Protein backbone atom coordinates (compact mmCIF):
# COMPACT_ATOMS: atom_id res chain seq x y z
CA MET A 1 7.73 -9.81 -10.06
CA LYS A 2 6.67 -12.06 -7.22
CA THR A 3 2.97 -12.88 -7.05
CA THR A 4 1.48 -12.38 -3.63
CA ASP A 5 -1.79 -13.60 -2.21
CA ARG A 6 -2.88 -9.98 -1.60
CA GLU A 7 -2.99 -9.14 -5.30
CA HIS A 8 -6.27 -8.54 -7.09
CA PHE A 9 -7.71 -11.30 -9.23
CA GLN A 10 -9.38 -10.55 -12.56
CA THR A 11 -12.19 -12.82 -13.69
CA ILE A 12 -11.70 -14.84 -16.89
CA GLY A 13 -15.12 -16.49 -16.87
CA TYR A 14 -17.51 -18.87 -15.19
CA TYR A 15 -17.89 -22.65 -15.54
CA LEU A 16 -20.43 -25.17 -14.39
CA CYS A 17 -18.19 -28.11 -13.43
CA GLU A 18 -19.42 -31.58 -12.60
CA ILE A 19 -17.81 -33.32 -9.64
CA VAL A 20 -16.39 -36.52 -11.14
CA GLU A 21 -14.34 -39.47 -9.98
CA VAL A 22 -10.59 -39.10 -10.32
CA PRO A 23 -9.36 -41.11 -13.36
CA GLU A 24 -7.40 -44.22 -12.38
CA TRP A 25 -4.31 -43.00 -14.21
CA LEU A 26 -4.23 -39.69 -12.36
CA HIS A 27 -2.21 -39.80 -9.16
CA GLY A 28 -2.44 -36.99 -6.64
CA PRO A 29 -6.06 -35.97 -6.10
CA ASP A 30 -7.99 -38.32 -3.84
CA ARG A 31 -11.38 -39.68 -4.95
CA GLN A 32 -13.20 -36.84 -6.65
CA MET A 33 -12.40 -33.69 -8.56
CA LEU A 34 -13.70 -30.88 -10.70
CA SER A 35 -11.90 -29.19 -13.55
CA VAL A 36 -12.54 -26.55 -16.22
CA SER A 37 -10.46 -28.69 -18.59
CA GLY A 38 -12.51 -30.94 -20.82
CA CYS A 39 -9.62 -33.43 -20.86
CA ILE A 40 -10.15 -34.54 -17.27
CA GLY A 41 -13.44 -32.95 -16.22
CA GLU A 42 -17.04 -32.46 -17.32
CA GLN A 43 -18.53 -29.05 -17.94
CA HIS A 44 -22.14 -28.10 -18.55
CA PRO A 45 -24.12 -27.53 -20.59
CA ARG A 46 -22.58 -30.20 -22.76
CA TRP A 47 -20.98 -28.48 -25.72
CA GLU A 48 -23.05 -30.55 -28.14
CA CYS A 49 -26.08 -28.53 -26.97
CA PHE A 50 -24.78 -25.55 -28.90
CA MET A 51 -22.06 -26.95 -31.19
CA GLY A 52 -23.89 -29.95 -32.66
CA GLY A 53 -22.22 -33.28 -33.30
CA TRP A 54 -24.12 -35.49 -30.86
CA LEU A 55 -23.21 -39.15 -31.20
CA LYS A 56 -26.18 -41.41 -31.74
CA GLY A 57 -28.20 -41.62 -28.56
CA GLU A 58 -26.09 -39.14 -26.59
CA SER A 59 -28.63 -36.33 -26.82
CA GLU A 60 -31.35 -38.58 -25.45
CA LYS A 61 -29.08 -39.73 -22.62
CA TYR A 62 -28.31 -36.14 -21.61
CA GLN A 63 -31.99 -35.19 -21.77
CA SER A 64 -32.83 -38.20 -19.60
CA ARG A 65 -30.10 -37.33 -17.13
CA LEU A 66 -31.52 -33.83 -16.77
CA ARG A 67 -35.03 -35.31 -16.43
CA MET A 68 -36.47 -32.97 -19.01
CA ASP A 69 -39.56 -33.70 -21.08
CA ALA A 70 -39.50 -32.85 -24.79
CA GLU A 71 -40.76 -29.27 -24.37
CA THR A 72 -38.43 -28.46 -21.47
CA TRP A 73 -35.49 -29.96 -23.37
CA ARG A 74 -36.28 -27.90 -26.45
CA ASP A 75 -36.47 -24.70 -24.39
CA PHE A 76 -33.20 -25.60 -22.65
CA THR A 77 -31.23 -26.24 -25.82
CA GLU A 78 -32.71 -23.15 -27.52
CA SER A 79 -31.70 -20.92 -24.59
CA VAL A 80 -28.17 -22.36 -24.59
CA ASN A 81 -27.89 -21.76 -28.33
CA ARG A 82 -29.04 -18.15 -27.89
CA LEU A 83 -26.28 -17.57 -25.36
CA PHE A 84 -23.71 -19.06 -27.73
CA ASP A 85 -24.94 -17.09 -30.73
CA ALA A 86 -24.85 -13.88 -28.67
CA GLY A 87 -21.24 -14.47 -27.66
CA ARG A 88 -22.10 -15.02 -23.99
CA LEU A 89 -21.14 -18.72 -23.93
CA ASP A 90 -17.84 -19.86 -25.35
CA VAL A 91 -16.89 -23.10 -27.13
CA ASP A 92 -15.43 -24.63 -23.96
CA CYS A 93 -18.62 -24.01 -21.92
CA ARG A 94 -17.23 -20.78 -20.41
CA PHE A 95 -19.88 -18.26 -19.51
CA LEU A 96 -18.98 -14.61 -19.84
CA GLN A 97 -21.74 -13.41 -17.51
CA LEU A 98 -22.45 -14.82 -14.06
CA SER A 99 -26.21 -14.32 -14.43
CA ASP A 100 -26.26 -16.62 -17.51
CA ALA A 101 -24.25 -19.25 -15.67
CA GLN A 102 -26.57 -19.10 -12.69
CA CYS A 103 -29.62 -19.59 -14.92
CA ILE A 104 -28.19 -22.78 -16.46
CA TYR A 105 -26.91 -23.92 -13.06
CA GLU A 106 -30.48 -23.83 -11.68
CA LYS A 107 -31.62 -26.14 -14.48
CA VAL A 108 -28.71 -28.60 -14.23
CA SER A 109 -27.73 -28.77 -10.55
CA PRO A 110 -30.79 -30.65 -9.24
CA TRP A 111 -29.76 -33.68 -11.29
CA ILE A 112 -25.96 -33.42 -11.70
CA PRO A 113 -23.46 -32.97 -8.85
CA CYS A 114 -21.73 -29.78 -9.86
CA ARG A 115 -20.36 -26.45 -8.73
CA LEU A 116 -20.58 -23.07 -10.38
CA VAL A 117 -17.08 -21.60 -10.30
CA SER A 118 -15.33 -18.41 -11.30
CA VAL A 119 -11.88 -18.59 -12.85
CA SER A 120 -9.52 -15.68 -12.31
CA THR A 121 -5.87 -14.75 -12.26
CA THR A 122 -3.67 -11.76 -11.49
CA SER A 123 -3.19 -8.89 -13.97
CA GLU A 124 0.20 -10.18 -15.16
CA TYR A 125 -1.28 -13.47 -16.34
CA PHE A 126 -4.60 -11.94 -17.38
CA GLU A 127 -2.74 -9.90 -19.99
CA ILE A 128 -0.97 -13.03 -21.29
CA LEU A 129 -4.30 -14.80 -21.74
CA ALA A 130 -5.85 -11.76 -23.40
CA GLU A 131 -3.25 -11.98 -26.15
CA GLU A 132 -3.73 -15.73 -26.56
CA PHE A 133 -7.51 -15.38 -26.78
CA LYS A 134 -7.21 -12.85 -29.58
CA SER A 135 -5.67 -15.47 -31.85
CA GLY A 136 -7.78 -18.39 -30.65
CA ASN A 137 -11.23 -19.74 -31.42
CA CYS A 138 -13.05 -17.93 -28.60
CA TYR A 139 -15.04 -14.83 -27.81
CA GLY A 140 -12.33 -13.33 -25.64
CA LEU A 141 -11.81 -12.55 -22.00
CA MET A 142 -14.22 -11.05 -19.56
CA LYS A 143 -13.87 -7.36 -18.75
CA GLY A 144 -11.65 -8.45 -15.87
CA GLU A 145 -13.94 -7.59 -12.96
CA PRO A 146 -12.48 -8.41 -9.52
CA ASP A 147 -13.06 -11.91 -8.20
CA ASN A 148 -13.70 -11.73 -4.46
CA ARG A 149 -15.70 -14.95 -4.19
CA PRO A 150 -14.79 -17.59 -1.60
CA GLN A 151 -11.89 -19.62 -2.93
CA LEU A 152 -12.39 -23.28 -3.81
CA GLY A 153 -8.76 -23.87 -4.74
CA SER A 154 -6.33 -23.22 -7.57
CA ASP A 155 -5.29 -24.81 -10.83
CA ILE A 156 -2.62 -24.31 -13.46
CA LEU A 157 -4.25 -23.88 -16.87
CA GLY A 158 -3.06 -23.42 -20.43
CA TRP A 159 -5.23 -22.20 -23.29
CA ASP A 160 -5.13 -24.36 -26.43
CA ILE A 161 -7.15 -22.99 -29.38
CA SER A 162 -10.63 -23.59 -27.95
CA GLY A 163 -10.25 -24.76 -24.37
CA PHE A 164 -8.07 -25.09 -21.33
CA HIS A 165 -5.66 -27.86 -20.44
CA SER A 166 -4.83 -28.43 -16.79
CA PHE A 167 -1.33 -29.28 -15.68
CA LEU A 168 -2.91 -32.54 -14.48
CA CYS A 169 -3.66 -33.54 -18.09
CA ASN A 170 0.04 -34.38 -18.48
CA SER A 171 0.53 -35.54 -14.87
CA LEU A 172 2.92 -32.64 -14.30
CA GLN A 173 2.07 -32.79 -10.59
CA GLU A 174 4.51 -35.71 -10.44
CA ILE A 175 7.45 -33.31 -10.91
CA LEU A 176 6.10 -30.89 -8.28
CA PRO A 177 6.59 -32.62 -4.93
CA ALA A 178 5.26 -29.65 -2.96
CA VAL A 179 1.75 -29.70 -4.45
CA ARG A 180 -1.17 -30.30 -2.11
CA PHE A 181 -4.72 -31.13 -3.19
CA ASN A 182 -8.04 -30.46 -1.49
CA ASP A 183 -11.18 -32.61 -1.59
CA LEU A 184 -12.17 -31.23 -5.01
CA GLY A 185 -8.86 -32.15 -6.63
CA LEU A 186 -7.79 -28.51 -6.73
CA LEU A 187 -4.52 -27.14 -5.49
CA ALA A 188 -4.60 -26.21 -1.79
CA ASN A 189 -1.29 -24.34 -1.91
CA GLU A 190 -1.06 -20.55 -1.50
CA PHE A 191 -1.38 -18.71 -4.81
CA HIS A 192 2.22 -17.52 -4.85
CA GLU A 193 3.24 -21.17 -4.61
CA VAL A 194 0.93 -22.07 -7.49
CA ALA A 195 2.52 -19.29 -9.55
CA ASP A 196 5.93 -20.75 -8.79
CA PHE A 197 4.74 -24.20 -9.87
CA ALA A 198 3.58 -22.68 -13.18
CA ARG A 199 7.07 -21.29 -13.76
CA GLN A 200 8.63 -24.68 -12.95
CA ILE A 201 6.55 -26.52 -15.55
CA GLU A 202 6.85 -23.92 -18.33
CA GLY A 203 7.81 -25.69 -21.54
CA LYS A 204 6.64 -29.07 -20.27
CA GLY A 205 3.53 -31.05 -21.24
CA GLU A 206 1.18 -29.36 -23.67
CA PRO A 207 2.65 -26.56 -25.84
CA VAL A 208 0.83 -23.85 -23.86
CA GLU A 209 1.60 -20.94 -21.58
CA TRP A 210 0.91 -22.27 -18.10
CA ILE A 211 -1.24 -19.83 -16.10
CA PRO A 212 -1.85 -20.02 -12.33
CA CYS A 213 -5.57 -19.59 -11.73
CA ARG A 214 -7.84 -19.12 -8.76
CA LEU A 215 -11.25 -20.85 -8.69
CA GLY A 216 -14.02 -19.17 -6.71
CA ASN A 217 -17.28 -20.58 -5.38
CA CYS A 218 -20.33 -19.06 -7.09
CA GLY A 219 -22.86 -21.70 -6.14
């Protein structure tokens, strides 16, 4: 079945992605990028806020970066932990409800250059991810509500136990000469082209099922 750009997109979740410099080893994107993959991007709130395991001094650095006093920081980390304990925030910083993501975005965005994005895909690939999530360390997919938000770009993602890899993690863009990137390091190609790229790289790079995904602008 050929994927067309008129198909409906089902929401997987929401991420608060920091806009970071492109790593020196990564050829393709220009100067900056955002990604829902922790391998090449930064997502917020930092997972240590709700998973523990801060390295010495890292918690204080993050608190300082967010310019929070002790009381505000305590309230922030407690609210993040409540979301995680309630199954509304997943281990890879994926929010299951937009309202929760917007609340954290308001606290983080004044101090960190970031975008609040939706991640979605077509029903064919949504079903594939649903099966993968059942056996992984995650709370599962969203209910699959339609994603009609303005498009920021696309990515090719693969779920690996507790988070997404991007096809960029393995520099698979180097075997896809037709890829085009926008100023956020996301694919600027039409979605049916992105789906074709995913088929071309299947079995390459990480041992994952490569899924073409649409990223929408939520803030």
